[in-house]
Amino acid sequence: MVRSRQTSPQVNAGSMADIAFLLLIFFLVTAMIPNDKGIKHTLPEPCPKNENCDTPIHERNILAISINSNNELFLEKELIKVELLTKITKDFLDNNGDGSCVYCQGNQSASSSDNPTTAIISLKSDPNASYEFYIKIQDALTKAYYDLRSRYAMELLNKDVNKLTNSELKQVREAYPFILSEVD
């Protein structure tokens, strides 16, 4: 008796690599690649060689904020609550050195800035502080500037800050420039 040899059907796999490559290209072309998220900061231009770029800054114009490794917030050397940081920043920025602080209610500090354009926020963060706490501090500082800029736009330009033209927005930013110095 002669046995017949049974063969199983085979699939030609020669073009499988080509199909996989085409699918890979298709997904790469059609996939949305998300942008990196983070904190948007504009870095200053590097100092040209053979020039002294140090500018003298009056102590009165620096608001020194620090975060320790226990996620505690300090203003100068005094422990404060995060919830107070926005108000403190507004008071510091908007004092104008003449006691005209809108938010101070008669409690102007002798250490408030001379003018919002000369005010500098100095932020020092311990490397062991949590990122979430650091972002919370950044948000409080940003809110202070946003509130002051919004008030400025309403009082001087009679417009909502979200409806300003580019030139008006530039004017508002020049009146309240966000000057943040992050210290190592």
C-alpha atoms as a PDB file:
ATOM      1  CA  MET A   1       0.000   0.000   0.000  1.00  0.00           C
ATOM      2  CA  VAL A   2       1.292   3.325  -0.987  1.00  0.00           C
ATOM      3  CA  ARG A   3       0.853   6.142   1.390  1.00  0.00           C
ATOM      4  CA  SER A   4       0.074   9.509  -0.038  1.00  0.00           C
ATOM      5  CA  ARG A   5       1.893  12.345   1.364  1.00  0.00           C
ATOM      6  CA  GLN A   6      -0.388  15.076   2.681  1.00  0.00           C
ATOM      7  CA  THR A   7       0.852  18.585   2.482  1.00  0.00           C
ATOM      8  CA  SER A   8      -0.604  21.407   4.464  1.00  0.00           C
ATOM      9  CA  PRO A   9      -1.385  24.628   2.699  1.00  0.00           C
ATOM     10  CA  GLN A  10       1.313  27.270   3.126  1.00  0.00           C
ATOM     11  CA  VAL A  11       1.070  31.009   3.065  1.00  0.00           C
ATOM     12  CA  ASN A  12       3.641  32.876   1.118  1.00  0.00           C
ATOM     13  CA  ALA A  13       5.293  35.060   3.803  1.00  0.00           C
ATOM     14  CA  GLY A  14       7.608  36.850   1.425  1.00  0.00           C
ATOM     15  CA  SER A  15       5.601  40.062   1.382  1.00  0.00           C
ATOM     16  CA  MET A  16       4.742  40.140   5.108  1.00  0.00           C
ATOM     17  CA  ALA A  17       7.735  42.349   5.895  1.00  0.00           C
ATOM     18  CA  ASP A  18       6.626  44.811   3.219  1.00  0.00           C
ATOM     19  CA  ILE A  19       3.105  44.956   4.648  1.00  0.00           C
ATOM     20  CA  ALA A  20       4.395  45.467   8.200  1.00  0.00           C
ATOM     21  CA  PHE A  21       6.679  48.261   6.987  1.00  0.00           C
ATOM     22  CA  LEU A  22       3.811  50.002   5.164  1.00  0.00           C
ATOM     23  CA  LEU A  23       1.592  49.754   8.259  1.00  0.00           C
ATOM     24  CA  LEU A  24       4.345  51.207  10.402  1.00  0.00           C
ATOM     25  CA  ILE A  25       4.763  54.148   8.032  1.00  0.00           C
ATOM     26  CA  PHE A  26       0.985  54.663   7.951  1.00  0.00           C
ATOM     27  CA  PHE A  27       0.746  54.846  11.771  1.00  0.00           C
ATOM     28  CA  LEU A  28       3.765  57.132  12.064  1.00  0.00           C
ATOM     29  CA  VAL A  29       2.341  59.552   9.511  1.00  0.00           C
ATOM     30  CA  THR A  30      -1.197  59.610  10.918  1.00  0.00           C
ATOM     31  CA  ALA A  31      -0.406  59.509  14.640  1.00  0.00           C
ATOM     32  CA  MET A  32      -0.501  62.729  16.645  1.00  0.00           C
ATOM     33  CA  ILE A  33       2.713  63.279  18.541  1.00  0.00           C
ATOM     34  CA  PRO A  34       1.931  65.299  21.679  1.00  0.00           C
ATOM     35  CA  ASN A  35       3.997  68.361  22.471  1.00  0.00           C
ATOM     36  CA  ASP A  36       6.094  68.291  25.592  1.00  0.00           C
ATOM     37  CA  LYS A  37       4.402  69.975  28.493  1.00  0.00           C
ATOM     38  CA  GLY A  38       6.207  71.993  31.069  1.00  0.00           C
ATOM     39  CA  ILE A  39       6.726  75.463  32.374  1.00  0.00           C
ATOM     40  CA  LYS A  40       7.211  78.063  29.681  1.00  0.00           C
ATOM     41  CA  HIS A  41      10.083  80.407  30.457  1.00  0.00           C
ATOM     42  CA  THR A  42      12.033  82.724  28.241  1.00  0.00           C
ATOM     43  CA  LEU A  43      15.700  82.535  29.082  1.00  0.00           C
ATOM     44  CA  PRO A  44      17.784  85.696  28.963  1.00  0.00           C
ATOM     45  CA  GLU A  45      20.321  86.216  26.219  1.00  0.00           C
ATOM     46  CA  PRO A  46      23.840  85.124  27.175  1.00  0.00           C
ATOM     47  CA  CYS A  47      26.171  87.875  28.285  1.00  0.00           C
ATOM     48  CA  PRO A  48      28.606  88.891  25.531  1.00  0.00           C
ATOM     49  CA  LYS A  49      32.232  88.085  26.249  1.00  0.00           C
ATOM     50  CA  ASN A  50      34.368  90.795  27.857  1.00  0.00           C
ATOM     51  CA  GLU A  51      31.294  92.610  29.214  1.00  0.00           C
ATOM     52  CA  ASN A  52      30.020  92.949  32.752  1.00  0.00           C
ATOM     53  CA  CYS A  53      26.333  92.037  32.670  1.00  0.00           C
ATOM     54  CA  ASP A  54      25.769  92.360  36.405  1.00  0.00           C
ATOM     55  CA  THR A  55      23.272  95.088  37.142  1.00  0.00           C
ATOM     56  CA  PRO A  56      22.925  96.461  40.649  1.00  0.00           C
ATOM     57  CA  ILE A  57      19.563  95.629  42.198  1.00  0.00           C
ATOM     58  CA  HIS A  58      18.212  97.347  45.264  1.00  0.00           C
ATOM     59  CA  GLU A  59      17.281  94.882  48.041  1.00  0.00           C
ATOM     60  CA  ARG A  60      13.858  96.494  48.270  1.00  0.00           C
ATOM     61  CA  ASN A  61      13.036  95.247  44.760  1.00  0.00           C
ATOM     62  CA  ILE A  62      13.653  91.554  45.491  1.00  0.00           C
ATOM     63  CA  LEU A  63      10.979  89.278  46.918  1.00  0.00           C
ATOM     64  CA  ALA A  64      12.926  86.256  48.199  1.00  0.00           C
ATOM     65  CA  ILE A  65      10.846  83.084  48.269  1.00  0.00           C
ATOM     66  CA  SER A  66      12.230  79.667  49.143  1.00  0.00           C
ATOM     67  CA  ILE A  67      10.923  76.117  49.327  1.00  0.00           C
ATOM     68  CA  ASN A  68      12.550  73.595  51.629  1.00  0.00           C
ATOM     69  CA  SER A  69      12.689  69.806  51.355  1.00  0.00           C
ATOM     70  CA  ASN A  70       9.573  69.461  53.554  1.00  0.00           C
ATOM     71  CA  ASN A  71       7.497  71.451  51.039  1.00  0.00           C
ATOM     72  CA  GLU A  72       7.328  74.484  53.281  1.00  0.00           C
ATOM     73  CA  LEU A  73       7.217  77.973  51.821  1.00  0.00           C
ATOM     74  CA  PHE A  74       9.338  80.784  53.232  1.00  0.00           C
ATOM     75  CA  LEU A  75       9.214  84.493  52.532  1.00  0.00           C
ATOM     76  CA  GLU A  76      12.647  85.792  53.475  1.00  0.00           C
ATOM     77  CA  LYS A  77      13.060  83.546  56.547  1.00  0.00           C
ATOM     78  CA  GLU A  78       9.420  83.514  57.655  1.00  0.00           C
ATOM     79  CA  LEU A  79       7.178  80.483  57.105  1.00  0.00           C
ATOM     80  CA  ILE A  80       4.025  81.384  55.170  1.00  0.00           C
ATOM     81  CA  LYS A  81       1.046  79.556  53.697  1.00  0.00           C
ATOM     82  CA  VAL A  82       0.846  79.031  49.943  1.00  0.00           C
ATOM     83  CA  GLU A  83      -2.618  80.589  49.940  1.00  0.00           C
ATOM     84  CA  LEU A  84      -1.087  83.937  50.984  1.00  0.00           C
ATOM     85  CA  LEU A  85       1.574  84.014  48.284  1.00  0.00           C
ATOM     86  CA  THR A  86      -0.629  85.552  45.573  1.00  0.00           C
ATOM     87  CA  LYS A  87      -1.702  88.432  47.835  1.00  0.00           C
ATOM     88  CA  ILE A  88       1.836  88.984  49.127  1.00  0.00           C
ATOM     89  CA  THR A  89       3.157  89.064  45.562  1.00  0.00           C
ATOM     90  CA  LYS A  90       0.485  91.564  44.496  1.00  0.00           C
ATOM     91  CA  ASP A  91       1.318  93.771  47.462  1.00  0.00           C
ATOM     92  CA  PHE A  92       5.019  93.605  46.704  1.00  0.00           C
ATOM     93  CA  LEU A  93       4.580  94.387  43.005  1.00  0.00           C
ATOM     94  CA  ASP A  94       1.908  97.053  43.205  1.00  0.00           C
ATOM     95  CA  ASN A  95       3.247  99.183  46.076  1.00  0.00           C
ATOM     96  CA  ASN A  96       5.104 101.461  43.652  1.00  0.00           C
ATOM     97  CA  GLY A  97       7.190 102.709  46.567  1.00  0.00           C
ATOM     98  CA  ASP A  98       4.612 105.376  47.361  1.00  0.00           C
ATOM     99  CA  GLY A  99       2.063 103.526  49.464  1.00  0.00           C
ATOM    100  CA  SER A 100      -0.410 103.226  46.588  1.00  0.00           C
ATOM    101  CA  CYS A 101      -0.860  99.472  46.918  1.00  0.00           C
ATOM    102  CA  VAL A 102      -4.470  98.671  46.087  1.00  0.00           C
ATOM    103  CA  TYR A 103      -4.429  95.348  47.946  1.00  0.00           C
ATOM    104  CA  CYS A 104      -2.462  96.377  51.061  1.00  0.00           C
ATOM    105  CA  GLN A 105      -5.328  98.144  52.886  1.00  0.00           C
ATOM    106  CA  GLY A 106      -3.018 100.521  54.696  1.00  0.00           C
ATOM    107  CA  ASN A 107      -0.379  97.890  55.491  1.00  0.00           C
ATOM    108  CA  GLN A 108       2.301  98.895  52.997  1.00  0.00           C
ATOM    109  CA  SER A 109       5.598  97.257  53.685  1.00  0.00           C
ATOM    110  CA  ALA A 110       8.807  99.220  53.650  1.00  0.00           C
ATOM    111  CA  SER A 111      10.311  96.290  51.774  1.00  0.00           C
ATOM    112  CA  SER A 112       7.856  96.419  48.857  1.00  0.00           C
ATOM    113  CA  SER A 113       9.215  97.157  45.409  1.00  0.00           C
ATOM    114  CA  ASP A 114       9.854 100.631  44.080  1.00  0.00           C
ATOM    115  CA  ASN A 115       7.942  99.871  40.902  1.00  0.00           C
ATOM    116  CA  PRO A 116       6.482  96.763  39.183  1.00  0.00           C
ATOM    117  CA  THR A 117       9.017  97.148  36.367  1.00  0.00           C
ATOM    118  CA  THR A 118      11.944  96.864  38.800  1.00  0.00           C
ATOM    119  CA  ALA A 119      10.444  94.127  41.012  1.00  0.00           C
ATOM    120  CA  ILE A 120      12.129  90.719  40.930  1.00  0.00           C
ATOM    121  CA  ILE A 121      10.766  87.495  42.368  1.00  0.00           C
ATOM    122  CA  SER A 122      13.634  85.314  43.580  1.00  0.00           C
ATOM    123  CA  LEU A 123      12.611  81.664  43.938  1.00  0.00           C
ATOM    124  CA  LYS A 124      14.887  79.118  45.551  1.00  0.00           C
ATOM    125  CA  SER A 125      13.730  75.527  45.671  1.00  0.00           C
ATOM    126  CA  ASP A 126      15.350  72.630  47.502  1.00  0.00           C
ATOM    127  CA  PRO A 127      16.075  69.744  45.107  1.00  0.00           C
ATOM    128  CA  ASN A 128      14.118  67.416  47.408  1.00  0.00           C
ATOM    129  CA  ALA A 129      10.945  69.521  47.317  1.00  0.00           C
ATOM    130  CA  SER A 130       8.111  67.939  45.378  1.00  0.00           C
ATOM    131  CA  TYR A 131       7.434  68.987  41.817  1.00  0.00           C
ATOM    132  CA  GLU A 132       3.713  69.406  42.603  1.00  0.00           C
ATOM    133  CA  PHE A 133       4.489  71.908  45.379  1.00  0.00           C
ATOM    134  CA  TYR A 134       6.854  73.818  43.106  1.00  0.00           C
ATOM    135  CA  ILE A 135       4.127  74.050  40.447  1.00  0.00           C
ATOM    136  CA  LYS A 136       1.684  75.273  43.089  1.00  0.00           C
ATOM    137  CA  ILE A 137       4.092  78.115  43.915  1.00  0.00           C
ATOM    138  CA  GLN A 138       4.555  78.927  40.214  1.00  0.00           C
ATOM    139  CA  ASP A 139       0.765  79.019  39.789  1.00  0.00           C
ATOM    140  CA  ALA A 140       0.354  81.414  42.734  1.00  0.00           C
ATOM    141  CA  LEU A 141       2.984  83.769  41.297  1.00  0.00           C
ATOM    142  CA  THR A 142       1.437  83.602  37.825  1.00  0.00           C
ATOM    143  CA  LYS A 143      -2.011  84.329  39.277  1.00  0.00           C
ATOM    144  CA  ALA A 144      -0.692  87.449  41.009  1.00  0.00           C
ATOM    145  CA  TYR A 145       0.690  88.783  37.731  1.00  0.00           C
ATOM    146  CA  TYR A 146      -2.473  87.819  35.844  1.00  0.00           C
ATOM    147  CA  ASP A 147      -4.679  89.624  38.375  1.00  0.00           C
ATOM    148  CA  LEU A 148      -2.555  92.783  38.264  1.00  0.00           C
ATOM    149  CA  ARG A 149      -2.411  92.748  34.478  1.00  0.00           C
ATOM    150  CA  SER A 150      -6.180  92.196  34.275  1.00  0.00           C
ATOM    151  CA  ARG A 151      -6.841  95.133  36.580  1.00  0.00           C
ATOM    152  CA  TYR A 152      -4.419  97.299  34.602  1.00  0.00           C
ATOM    153  CA  ALA A 153      -6.160  96.395  31.322  1.00  0.00           C
ATOM    154  CA  MET A 154      -9.599  97.185  32.742  1.00  0.00           C
ATOM    155  CA  GLU A 155      -8.598 100.476  34.392  1.00  0.00           C
ATOM    156  CA  LEU A 156      -6.368 101.933  31.695  1.00  0.00           C
ATOM    157  CA  LEU A 157      -7.553 100.273  28.486  1.00  0.00           C
ATOM    158  CA  ASN A 158     -11.185  99.528  29.439  1.00  0.00           C
ATOM    159  CA  LYS A 159     -10.819  96.012  28.046  1.00  0.00           C
ATOM    160  CA  ASP A 160     -10.800  92.495  29.363  1.00  0.00           C
ATOM    161  CA  VAL A 161      -7.265  91.098  29.356  1.00  0.00           C
ATOM    162  CA  ASN A 162      -8.376  88.274  27.041  1.00  0.00           C
ATOM    163  CA  LYS A 163      -9.579  90.761  24.376  1.00  0.00           C
ATOM    164  CA  LEU A 164      -6.431  92.854  24.054  1.00  0.00           C
ATOM    165  CA  THR A 165      -4.666  93.450  20.771  1.00  0.00           C
ATOM    166  CA  ASN A 166      -1.008  92.468  20.469  1.00  0.00           C
ATOM    167  CA  SER A 167       0.181  96.045  21.052  1.00  0.00           C
ATOM    168  CA  GLU A 168      -2.095  96.433  24.090  1.00  0.00           C
ATOM    169  CA  LEU A 169      -0.918  93.111  25.449  1.00  0.00           C
ATOM    170  CA  LYS A 170       2.665  94.261  25.046  1.00  0.00           C
ATOM    171  CA  GLN A 171       1.822  97.464  26.943  1.00  0.00           C
ATOM    172  CA  VAL A 172       0.297  95.456  29.814  1.00  0.00           C
ATOM    173  CA  ARG A 173       3.295  93.121  29.957  1.00  0.00           C
ATOM    174  CA  GLU A 174       5.664  96.088  30.028  1.00  0.00           C
ATOM    175  CA  ALA A 175       3.716  97.618  32.920  1.00  0.00           C
ATOM    176  CA  TYR A 176       3.916  94.336  34.888  1.00  0.00           C
ATOM    177  CA  PRO A 177       6.862  92.319  33.540  1.00  0.00           C
ATOM    178  CA  PHE A 178       7.144  88.835  35.029  1.00  0.00           C
ATOM    179  CA  ILE A 179      10.739  88.854  36.267  1.00  0.00           C
ATOM    180  CA  LEU A 180      11.523  85.594  38.013  1.00  0.00           C
ATOM    181  CA  SER A 181      14.979  84.635  39.157  1.00  0.00           C
ATOM    182  CA  GLU A 182      15.359  80.959  40.003  1.00  0.00           C
ATOM    183  CA  VAL A 183      18.236  80.428  42.382  1.00  0.00           C
ATOM    184  CA  ASP A 184      20.244  77.223  42.684  1.00  0.00           C
END
